[in-house]
Amino acid sequence: MNYIYETHLHTVEGSACSPTPATDYIEYMSEIGYAGIIVTDHFFNGNSCVPKNLPWDKRVELYCKGYEHALNEAKGTDFTVMFGIEFNFEGDEYLLYGVDKKWLLENERIMTMSREEVFNTVHQGGGIMIQAHPYRERYYLSAIHLTPSVCDGAEVYNASNPDYQNALGYQYAKERNFRGSAGSDIHAFPMKAMGGLSFPYKINSIDEFVTAFMKGDGTPVYKINPEEKNSEFLPVSEKASLTEVSQREELPVIWH
C-alpha cells in the first residue's frame, strides 16, 4: 500500500492568495486519496495575510493558525497534518520542513538572512529546505533564481504550473542528483490536477517525513481530474511531458 502526502498547501489563515479555511481540506483531501498534508502557508516575506505591524510573537501565532486548525480538525482520524513554511527571497521560494513554531519564535533574524544563512539555520533546527517550482514563470517575476547549494531537494512537479516548467524543474533536479518532491500548491479546490509524494509506509509526523524524504523513499506523483472515481496517482517520471523539456524558459536565469 502506498501513502500519498500533499507537500504544498495554502490556507486562508496564513496566505493572502488562498480563500480556503484549513479545516475544509481534511475531509476533501482524504476523500481523493491523500493520507496527509503539509500546510505551507506563505511566510512574511511572501504573500502572507499576517499584519506586518504586530510584534514577532503575535505574527508567528497568527501564521501558525492554518496548521493548528487543520491539525485540530483531523484529530481522531488517521489523516496526518504536518507543519511547513513557504519562504520567499526574490521570487524564488523554498519549502521548509522539520522546523516548528518554537523555531520561528526563536529566529526572528531569518527575515534578514541570505539564502545560505537560512539554509544553515534550518539545518541547525533539524529541518530541510526544498526549492519550490524552480522554473516558475509569472507576470510579476523578472527572473528565475537558482541556488543549488542551499537545496536538500527540488519540487519536480507542481500541479499549478504548466508541464514545460515542471519538465525544466525535473531536469534541473536530475542533473544535480537532487531528491525530487511534488505537490499541488493548492489554494482552493477543485483542481484539474494535483500532486504529492508517495511513500510505501505511513508518515505520522514532520520528523518522519524529513527522514523518509532524505532517505529517498518518496516518489513524486500526480493525479489528473482528482475528483473522478477512476483517477489515480501516477509517477511523474513516467509522463514525458513532465520530464522531457519541450520549451525553454523565457525569463533570465540567475545563479547564486
C-alpha atoms as a PDB file:
ATOM      1  CA  MET A   1       0.000   0.000   0.000  1.00  0.00           C
ATOM      2  CA  ASN A   2       1.217   3.483  -0.865  1.00  0.00           C
ATOM      3  CA  TYR A   3       0.523   6.592   1.196  1.00  0.00           C
ATOM      4  CA  ILE A   4       0.246   9.934  -0.619  1.00  0.00           C
ATOM      5  CA  TYR A   5       1.081  13.238   1.084  1.00  0.00           C
ATOM      6  CA  GLU A   6       0.331  16.742  -0.122  1.00  0.00           C
ATOM      7  CA  THR A   7       3.529  18.710   0.395  1.00  0.00           C
ATOM      8  CA  HIS A   8       2.467  22.200  -0.710  1.00  0.00           C
ATOM      9  CA  LEU A   9      -0.804  23.688   0.575  1.00  0.00           C
ATOM     10  CA  HIS A  10      -2.126  27.153   1.445  1.00  0.00           C
ATOM     11  CA  THR A  11      -4.892  28.264   3.805  1.00  0.00           C
ATOM     12  CA  VAL A  12      -6.918  31.442   4.239  1.00  0.00           C
ATOM     13  CA  GLU A  13      -5.479  31.770   7.741  1.00  0.00           C
ATOM     14  CA  GLY A  14      -1.916  32.349   6.529  1.00  0.00           C
ATOM     15  CA  SER A  15      -1.856  33.029   2.784  1.00  0.00           C
ATOM     16  CA  ALA A  16      -3.395  36.146   1.233  1.00  0.00           C
ATOM     17  CA  CYS A  17      -3.948  34.237  -2.016  1.00  0.00           C
ATOM     18  CA  SER A  18      -5.984  31.368  -0.537  1.00  0.00           C
ATOM     19  CA  PRO A  19      -9.743  31.539   0.170  1.00  0.00           C
ATOM     20  CA  THR A  20      -9.827  28.103   1.817  1.00  0.00           C
ATOM     21  CA  PRO A  21     -10.146  27.581   5.588  1.00  0.00           C
ATOM     22  CA  ALA A  22      -7.691  24.957   6.788  1.00  0.00           C
ATOM     23  CA  THR A  23     -10.467  22.787   8.212  1.00  0.00           C
ATOM     24  CA  ASP A  24     -12.034  22.393   4.754  1.00  0.00           C
ATOM     25  CA  TYR A  25      -9.049  20.444   3.486  1.00  0.00           C
ATOM     26  CA  ILE A  26      -9.223  17.440   5.803  1.00  0.00           C
ATOM     27  CA  GLU A  27     -12.275  15.592   4.508  1.00  0.00           C
ATOM     28  CA  TYR A  28     -11.697  16.690   0.913  1.00  0.00           C
ATOM     29  CA  MET A  29      -8.066  15.603   0.690  1.00  0.00           C
ATOM     30  CA  SER A  30      -8.819  12.322   2.429  1.00  0.00           C
ATOM     31  CA  GLU A  31     -11.655  11.523   0.028  1.00  0.00           C
ATOM     32  CA  ILE A  32      -9.486  11.972  -3.065  1.00  0.00           C
ATOM     33  CA  GLY A  33      -6.734   9.707  -1.771  1.00  0.00           C
ATOM     34  CA  TYR A  34      -4.313  11.646   0.414  1.00  0.00           C
ATOM     35  CA  ALA A  35      -3.064  10.175   3.681  1.00  0.00           C
ATOM     36  CA  GLY A  36      -1.992  13.581   4.947  1.00  0.00           C
ATOM     37  CA  ILE A  37      -0.982  17.156   4.188  1.00  0.00           C
ATOM     38  CA  ILE A  38       1.787  19.613   4.976  1.00  0.00           C
ATOM     39  CA  VAL A  39       0.431  23.133   5.498  1.00  0.00           C
ATOM     40  CA  THR A  40       2.943  25.502   3.852  1.00  0.00           C
ATOM     41  CA  ASP A  41       1.487  28.990   4.050  1.00  0.00           C
ATOM     42  CA  HIS A  42       3.384  31.938   2.595  1.00  0.00           C
ATOM     43  CA  PHE A  43       5.718  33.410   5.180  1.00  0.00           C
ATOM     44  CA  PHE A  44       6.034  37.102   5.998  1.00  0.00           C
ATOM     45  CA  ASN A  45       8.407  37.742   3.075  1.00  0.00           C
ATOM     46  CA  GLY A  46       5.849  36.271   0.662  1.00  0.00           C
ATOM     47  CA  ASN A  47       2.119  36.625   0.044  1.00  0.00           C
ATOM     48  CA  SER A  48       1.197  36.392   3.712  1.00  0.00           C
ATOM     49  CA  CYS A  49      -2.035  37.762   5.178  1.00  0.00           C
ATOM     50  CA  VAL A  50      -0.490  38.275   8.622  1.00  0.00           C
ATOM     51  CA  PRO A  51      -0.317  42.013   9.508  1.00  0.00           C
ATOM     52  CA  LYS A  52       3.200  43.431   9.388  1.00  0.00           C
ATOM     53  CA  ASN A  53       2.755  45.893  12.263  1.00  0.00           C
ATOM     54  CA  LEU A  54       2.449  43.292  15.019  1.00  0.00           C
ATOM     55  CA  PRO A  55       5.187  42.053  17.352  1.00  0.00           C
ATOM     56  CA  TRP A  56       7.046  38.990  16.080  1.00  0.00           C
ATOM     57  CA  ASP A  57       5.447  36.559  18.530  1.00  0.00           C
ATOM     58  CA  LYS A  58       1.936  37.704  17.593  1.00  0.00           C
ATOM     59  CA  ARG A  59       2.728  37.358  13.897  1.00  0.00           C
ATOM     60  CA  VAL A  60       4.038  33.827  14.402  1.00  0.00           C
ATOM     61  CA  GLU A  61       0.936  32.891  16.407  1.00  0.00           C
ATOM     62  CA  LEU A  62      -1.318  34.057  13.581  1.00  0.00           C
ATOM     63  CA  TYR A  63       0.848  32.431  10.917  1.00  0.00           C
ATOM     64  CA  CYS A  64       0.534  29.000  12.536  1.00  0.00           C
ATOM     65  CA  LYS A  65      -3.274  29.130  12.778  1.00  0.00           C
ATOM     66  CA  GLY A  66      -3.848  27.355   9.460  1.00  0.00           C
ATOM     67  CA  TYR A  67      -1.757  24.385  10.531  1.00  0.00           C
ATOM     68  CA  GLU A  68      -3.264  24.343  14.009  1.00  0.00           C
ATOM     69  CA  HIS A  69      -6.848  24.490  12.730  1.00  0.00           C
ATOM     70  CA  ALA A  70      -6.169  21.653  10.273  1.00  0.00           C
ATOM     71  CA  LEU A  71      -4.464  19.598  12.980  1.00  0.00           C
ATOM     72  CA  ASN A  72      -7.423  20.004  15.322  1.00  0.00           C
ATOM     73  CA  GLU A  73      -9.901  19.106  12.570  1.00  0.00           C
ATOM     74  CA  ALA A  74      -8.026  15.873  11.851  1.00  0.00           C
ATOM     75  CA  LYS A  75      -7.998  14.705  15.479  1.00  0.00           C
ATOM     76  CA  GLY A  76      -9.433  11.235  15.909  1.00  0.00           C
ATOM     77  CA  THR A  77      -8.689  10.241  12.295  1.00  0.00           C
ATOM     78  CA  ASP A  78      -5.758   8.546  10.559  1.00  0.00           C
ATOM     79  CA  PHE A  79      -5.150  11.674   8.476  1.00  0.00           C
ATOM     80  CA  THR A  80      -1.721  13.222   9.158  1.00  0.00           C
ATOM     81  CA  VAL A  81      -1.396  17.024   9.358  1.00  0.00           C
ATOM     82  CA  MET A  82       2.124  18.481   9.341  1.00  0.00           C
ATOM     83  CA  PHE A  83       3.672  21.945   9.527  1.00  0.00           C
ATOM     84  CA  GLY A  84       5.794  23.597   6.851  1.00  0.00           C
ATOM     85  CA  ILE A  85       6.735  27.054   5.588  1.00  0.00           C
ATOM     86  CA  GLU A  86       6.996  28.607   2.128  1.00  0.00           C
ATOM     87  CA  PHE A  87       9.839  31.112   2.365  1.00  0.00           C
ATOM     88  CA  ASN A  88      10.495  33.742  -0.310  1.00  0.00           C
ATOM     89  CA  PHE A  89      13.608  35.631  -1.409  1.00  0.00           C
ATOM     90  CA  GLU A  90      13.437  37.252  -4.854  1.00  0.00           C
ATOM     91  CA  GLY A  91      10.541  35.268  -6.219  1.00  0.00           C
ATOM     92  CA  ASP A  92      12.442  32.036  -5.592  1.00  0.00           C
ATOM     93  CA  GLU A  93      10.598  30.211  -2.846  1.00  0.00           C
ATOM     94  CA  TYR A  94      11.634  27.328  -0.601  1.00  0.00           C
ATOM     95  CA  LEU A  95       9.617  24.811   1.343  1.00  0.00           C
ATOM     96  CA  LEU A  96      10.966  24.420   4.860  1.00  0.00           C
ATOM     97  CA  TYR A  97      10.137  21.170   6.631  1.00  0.00           C
ATOM     98  CA  GLY A  98      11.108  19.973  10.101  1.00  0.00           C
ATOM     99  CA  VAL A  99      11.054  23.304  11.903  1.00  0.00           C
ATOM    100  CA  ASP A 100       8.132  24.478  14.044  1.00  0.00           C
ATOM    101  CA  LYS A 101       6.509  27.398  15.851  1.00  0.00           C
ATOM    102  CA  LYS A 102       9.136  27.344  18.596  1.00  0.00           C
ATOM    103  CA  TRP A 103      11.881  27.578  15.962  1.00  0.00           C
ATOM    104  CA  LEU A 104      10.143  30.561  14.366  1.00  0.00           C
ATOM    105  CA  LEU A 105       9.735  32.339  17.684  1.00  0.00           C
ATOM    106  CA  GLU A 106      13.462  31.925  18.352  1.00  0.00           C
ATOM    107  CA  ASN A 107      14.622  33.005  14.888  1.00  0.00           C
ATOM    108  CA  GLU A 108      13.193  36.407  14.019  1.00  0.00           C
ATOM    109  CA  ARG A 109      16.516  37.162  12.332  1.00  0.00           C
ATOM    110  CA  ILE A 110      15.675  34.838   9.410  1.00  0.00           C
ATOM    111  CA  MET A 111      13.922  37.790   7.782  1.00  0.00           C
ATOM    112  CA  THR A 112      17.259  39.452   7.078  1.00  0.00           C
ATOM    113  CA  MET A 113      19.303  36.332   6.292  1.00  0.00           C
ATOM    114  CA  SER A 114      20.739  35.266   2.959  1.00  0.00           C
ATOM    115  CA  ARG A 115      19.681  32.017   1.317  1.00  0.00           C
ATOM    116  CA  GLU A 116      22.765  30.287   2.675  1.00  0.00           C
ATOM    117  CA  GLU A 117      22.176  31.587   6.193  1.00  0.00           C
ATOM    118  CA  VAL A 118      18.552  30.441   6.199  1.00  0.00           C
ATOM    119  CA  PHE A 119      19.627  27.026   4.880  1.00  0.00           C
ATOM    120  CA  ASN A 120      22.168  26.641   7.672  1.00  0.00           C
ATOM    121  CA  THR A 121      19.716  27.826  10.332  1.00  0.00           C
ATOM    122  CA  VAL A 122      17.050  25.412   9.119  1.00  0.00           C
ATOM    123  CA  HIS A 123      19.566  22.561   9.262  1.00  0.00           C
ATOM    124  CA  GLN A 124      20.628  23.567  12.752  1.00  0.00           C
ATOM    125  CA  GLY A 125      16.972  23.264  13.740  1.00  0.00           C
ATOM    126  CA  GLY A 126      16.764  19.763  12.298  1.00  0.00           C
ATOM    127  CA  GLY A 127      14.906  20.756   9.150  1.00  0.00           C
ATOM    128  CA  ILE A 128      15.380  20.669   5.391  1.00  0.00           C
ATOM    129  CA  MET A 129      14.964  23.199   2.583  1.00  0.00           C
ATOM    130  CA  ILE A 130      13.491  22.317  -0.820  1.00  0.00           C
ATOM    131  CA  GLN A 131      13.160  24.740  -3.701  1.00  0.00           C
ATOM    132  CA  ALA A 132       9.546  25.065  -4.807  1.00  0.00           C
ATOM    133  CA  HIS A 133       8.685  25.325  -8.523  1.00  0.00           C
ATOM    134  CA  PRO A 134      12.279  26.262  -9.512  1.00  0.00           C
ATOM    135  CA  TYR A 135      11.400  27.259 -13.098  1.00  0.00           C
ATOM    136  CA  ARG A 136       8.140  29.046 -12.356  1.00  0.00           C
ATOM    137  CA  GLU A 137       7.385  31.994 -14.629  1.00  0.00           C
ATOM    138  CA  ARG A 138       4.730  34.591 -13.839  1.00  0.00           C
ATOM    139  CA  TYR A 139       3.951  38.134 -14.963  1.00  0.00           C
ATOM    140  CA  TYR A 140       5.153  39.509 -11.609  1.00  0.00           C
ATOM    141  CA  LEU A 141       8.554  37.782 -11.792  1.00  0.00           C
ATOM    142  CA  SER A 142      11.548  39.286 -13.576  1.00  0.00           C
ATOM    143  CA  ALA A 143      13.952  36.337 -13.307  1.00  0.00           C
ATOM    144  CA  ILE A 144      14.402  32.726 -12.268  1.00  0.00           C
ATOM    145  CA  HIS A 145      16.733  32.390  -9.273  1.00  0.00           C
ATOM    146  CA  LEU A 146      18.515  29.081  -8.689  1.00  0.00           C
ATOM    147  CA  THR A 147      20.713  28.276  -5.690  1.00  0.00           C
ATOM    148  CA  PRO A 148      21.591  24.579  -5.853  1.00  0.00           C
ATOM    149  CA  SER A 149      23.995  24.857  -2.905  1.00  0.00           C
ATOM    150  CA  VAL A 150      21.123  25.514  -0.466  1.00  0.00           C
ATOM    151  CA  CYS A 151      18.744  22.767  -1.560  1.00  0.00           C
ATOM    152  CA  ASP A 152      18.029  19.397   0.020  1.00  0.00           C
ATOM    153  CA  GLY A 153      15.822  18.768  -2.984  1.00  0.00           C
ATOM    154  CA  ALA A 154      13.641  20.432  -5.581  1.00  0.00           C
ATOM    155  CA  GLU A 155       9.976  20.345  -6.486  1.00  0.00           C
ATOM    156  CA  VAL A 156       9.952  18.420  -9.764  1.00  0.00           C
ATOM    157  CA  TYR A 157       6.184  18.583 -10.143  1.00  0.00           C
ATOM    158  CA  ASN A 158       3.916  21.462  -9.134  1.00  0.00           C
ATOM    159  CA  ALA A 159       0.309  20.973 -10.230  1.00  0.00           C
ATOM    160  CA  SER A 160      -0.217  24.733 -10.516  1.00  0.00           C
ATOM    161  CA  ASN A 161       2.486  25.096 -13.193  1.00  0.00           C
ATOM    162  CA  PRO A 162       2.412  24.221 -16.902  1.00  0.00           C
ATOM    163  CA  ASP A 163       4.095  20.993 -17.976  1.00  0.00           C
ATOM    164  CA  TYR A 164       7.135  22.631 -19.568  1.00  0.00           C
ATOM    165  CA  GLN A 165       8.027  24.449 -16.335  1.00  0.00           C
ATOM    166  CA  ASN A 166       7.721  21.184 -14.426  1.00  0.00           C
ATOM    167  CA  ALA A 167       9.901  19.434 -17.010  1.00  0.00           C
ATOM    168  CA  LEU A 168      12.566  22.118 -16.625  1.00  0.00           C
ATOM    169  CA  GLY A 169      12.452  21.629 -12.854  1.00  0.00           C
ATOM    170  CA  TYR A 170      12.604  17.867 -13.264  1.00  0.00           C
ATOM    171  CA  GLN A 171      15.715  18.081 -15.456  1.00  0.00           C
ATOM    172  CA  TYR A 172      17.294  20.612 -13.092  1.00  0.00           C
ATOM    173  CA  ALA A 173      16.889  18.166 -10.204  1.00  0.00           C
ATOM    174  CA  LYS A 174      18.023  15.192 -12.257  1.00  0.00           C
ATOM    175  CA  GLU A 175      21.198  16.896 -13.482  1.00  0.00           C
ATOM    176  CA  ARG A 176      22.206  17.717  -9.901  1.00  0.00           C
ATOM    177  CA  ASN A 177      21.106  14.423  -8.400  1.00  0.00           C
ATOM    178  CA  PHE A 178      18.600  16.208  -6.162  1.00  0.00           C
ATOM    179  CA  ARG A 179      15.854  14.401  -4.337  1.00  0.00           C
ATOM    180  CA  GLY A 180      12.562  15.210  -6.036  1.00  0.00           C
ATOM    181  CA  SER A 181       9.411  16.486  -4.390  1.00  0.00           C
ATOM    182  CA  ALA A 182       5.926  17.059  -5.810  1.00  0.00           C
ATOM    183  CA  GLY A 183       2.848  18.903  -4.654  1.00  0.00           C
ATOM    184  CA  SER A 184      -0.311  20.634  -5.763  1.00  0.00           C
ATOM    185  CA  ASP A 185       0.458  24.145  -4.489  1.00  0.00           C
ATOM    186  CA  ILE A 186      -3.238  24.072  -3.702  1.00  0.00           C
ATOM    187  CA  HIS A 187      -5.016  27.268  -2.675  1.00  0.00           C
ATOM    188  CA  ALA A 188      -8.587  26.161  -3.407  1.00  0.00           C
ATOM    189  CA  PHE A 189     -10.392  23.169  -4.834  1.00  0.00           C
ATOM    190  CA  PRO A 190     -11.243  21.548  -7.134  1.00  0.00           C
ATOM    191  CA  MET A 191      -8.084  21.490  -9.238  1.00  0.00           C
ATOM    192  CA  LYS A 192      -7.674  19.889 -12.661  1.00  0.00           C
ATOM    193  CA  ALA A 193      -4.524  18.132 -11.492  1.00  0.00           C
ATOM    194  CA  MET A 194      -2.830  17.537  -8.152  1.00  0.00           C
ATOM    195  CA  GLY A 195       0.475  16.187  -6.912  1.00  0.00           C
ATOM    196  CA  GLY A 196       2.205  14.727  -3.915  1.00  0.00           C
ATOM    197  CA  LEU A 197       4.831  12.361  -2.576  1.00  0.00           C
ATOM    198  CA  SER A 198       4.091   8.667  -2.329  1.00  0.00           C
ATOM    199  CA  PHE A 199       5.682   6.540   0.395  1.00  0.00           C
ATOM    200  CA  PRO A 200       5.469   2.757   0.908  1.00  0.00           C
ATOM    201  CA  TYR A 201       4.676   3.319   4.576  1.00  0.00           C
ATOM    202  CA  LYS A 202       2.627   5.717   6.683  1.00  0.00           C
ATOM    203  CA  ILE A 203       4.121   9.040   7.755  1.00  0.00           C
ATOM    204  CA  ASN A 204       2.993  10.157  11.203  1.00  0.00           C
ATOM    205  CA  SER A 205       4.918  13.395  11.777  1.00  0.00           C
ATOM    206  CA  ILE A 206       7.011  16.005  10.005  1.00  0.00           C
ATOM    207  CA  ASP A 207      10.162  14.483  11.523  1.00  0.00           C
ATOM    208  CA  GLU A 208       9.248  11.143   9.953  1.00  0.00           C
ATOM    209  CA  PHE A 209       8.595  12.934   6.664  1.00  0.00           C
ATOM    210  CA  VAL A 210      12.019  14.603   6.724  1.00  0.00           C
ATOM    211  CA  THR A 211      13.746  11.285   7.463  1.00  0.00           C
ATOM    212  CA  ALA A 212      11.813   9.454   4.753  1.00  0.00           C
ATOM    213  CA  PHE A 213      12.464  12.171   2.170  1.00  0.00           C
ATOM    214  CA  MET A 214      16.177  12.315   2.896  1.00  0.00           C
ATOM    215  CA  LYS A 215      16.366   8.522   2.586  1.00  0.00           C
ATOM    216  CA  GLY A 216      14.910   8.866  -0.909  1.00  0.00           C
ATOM    217  CA  ASP A 217      11.783   6.871  -0.066  1.00  0.00           C
ATOM    218  CA  GLY A 218       9.357   9.395  -1.565  1.00  0.00           C
ATOM    219  CA  THR A 219       8.139   9.066  -5.160  1.00  0.00           C
ATOM    220  CA  PRO A 220       6.794  12.230  -6.871  1.00  0.00           C
ATOM    221  CA  VAL A 221       3.289  11.527  -8.197  1.00  0.00           C
ATOM    222  CA  TYR A 222       0.491  13.384  -9.976  1.00  0.00           C
ATOM    223  CA  LYS A 223      -3.217  12.873 -10.495  1.00  0.00           C
ATOM    224  CA  ILE A 224      -5.406  14.230 -13.306  1.00  0.00           C
ATOM    225  CA  ASN A 225      -9.038  15.131 -12.524  1.00  0.00           C
ATOM    226  CA  PRO A 226      -8.616  14.070  -8.897  1.00  0.00           C
ATOM    227  CA  GLU A 227     -12.333  14.037  -8.110  1.00  0.00           C
ATOM    228  CA  GLU A 228     -13.086  11.336 -10.692  1.00  0.00           C
ATOM    229  CA  LYS A 229     -13.502   7.911  -9.095  1.00  0.00           C
ATOM    230  CA  ASN A 230     -11.248   6.147 -11.609  1.00  0.00           C
ATOM    231  CA  SER A 231      -8.403   8.673 -11.391  1.00  0.00           C
ATOM    232  CA  GLU A 232      -5.217   7.516  -9.709  1.00  0.00           C
ATOM    233  CA  PHE A 233      -1.849   8.856  -8.642  1.00  0.00           C
ATOM    234  CA  LEU A 234       0.868   8.067 -11.182  1.00  0.00           C
ATOM    235  CA  PRO A 235       4.660   8.525 -11.079  1.00  0.00           C
ATOM    236  CA  VAL A 236       5.832  11.827 -12.530  1.00  0.00           C
ATOM    237  CA  SER A 237       8.834  10.019 -14.026  1.00  0.00           C
ATOM    238  CA  GLU A 238       6.576   8.073 -16.389  1.00  0.00           C
ATOM    239  CA  LYS A 239       4.968  11.085 -18.109  1.00  0.00           C
ATOM    240  CA  ALA A 240       7.048  12.501 -20.964  1.00  0.00           C
ATOM    241  CA  SER A 241       5.522  15.998 -20.906  1.00  0.00           C
ATOM    242  CA  LEU A 242       6.573  16.365 -17.256  1.00  0.00           C
ATOM    243  CA  THR A 243      10.125  15.106 -17.686  1.00  0.00           C
ATOM    244  CA  GLU A 244      11.262  15.981 -21.228  1.00  0.00           C
ATOM    245  CA  VAL A 245      11.927  19.642 -21.936  1.00  0.00           C
ATOM    246  CA  SER A 246       9.744  20.843 -24.808  1.00  0.00           C
ATOM    247  CA  GLN A 247      10.178  24.577 -24.242  1.00  0.00           C
ATOM    248  CA  ARG A 248      12.914  26.651 -22.661  1.00  0.00           C
ATOM    249  CA  GLU A 249      12.324  29.289 -20.027  1.00  0.00           C
ATOM    250  CA  GLU A 250      11.575  32.841 -21.146  1.00  0.00           C
ATOM    251  CA  LEU A 251      12.886  34.661 -18.085  1.00  0.00           C
ATOM    252  CA  PRO A 252      16.625  35.075 -17.463  1.00  0.00           C
ATOM    253  CA  VAL A 253      18.151  32.559 -15.051  1.00  0.00           C
ATOM    254  CA  ILE A 254      20.258  33.958 -12.200  1.00  0.00           C
ATOM    255  CA  TRP A 255      22.533  31.513 -10.410  1.00  0.00           C
ATOM    256  CA  HIS A 256      23.532  32.153  -6.822  1.00  0.00           C
END
